[in-house]
């Protein structure tokens, strides 16, 4: 008999007292260097505060909301053919994908320190521009194009 899966609880961060920032820090972290990741994220949020003149946590949550996808496509093999079947993205996966896309968009930029690139990507996502939002739009277009296969979704 299968056991039910218990989600690992992530503690809120020490400055903003929010678990979504802790998750973001964990996603930014490379090779276990958490203090470096925390410094990058906190400095990026300070830059966001200076540039947008808004509460950095609200701007960050707005950026996550704008970059989070509603639909995704999953390849499914049916009768010897593989179809890209559109599916709804639920809760935590939406937030996780949005965070990852924001971080990937920041890492793709060249020539500036990571804190500045990350701050700019958060501001861009908050303003519905930038790499993360572009990726979301592309995924939605792909899901729309494959809408005919939606009945295969389980």
Foldseek 3Di string as FASTA:
>chain_A
DDDDDDDDDAFADDPPRHRLLVVLLVLLDDPPPSVVSNVLSVLLLVVLCVPVVDRSVVLQVLLLVLLFAQKAWDWDQDPNDTAGAIDGDDDPVRSVLSSNQLQVQLVPDDDDDSSNSSSVSSNQSSVCHGRSNVVNVVRVVVNVVRVVRNVVDD
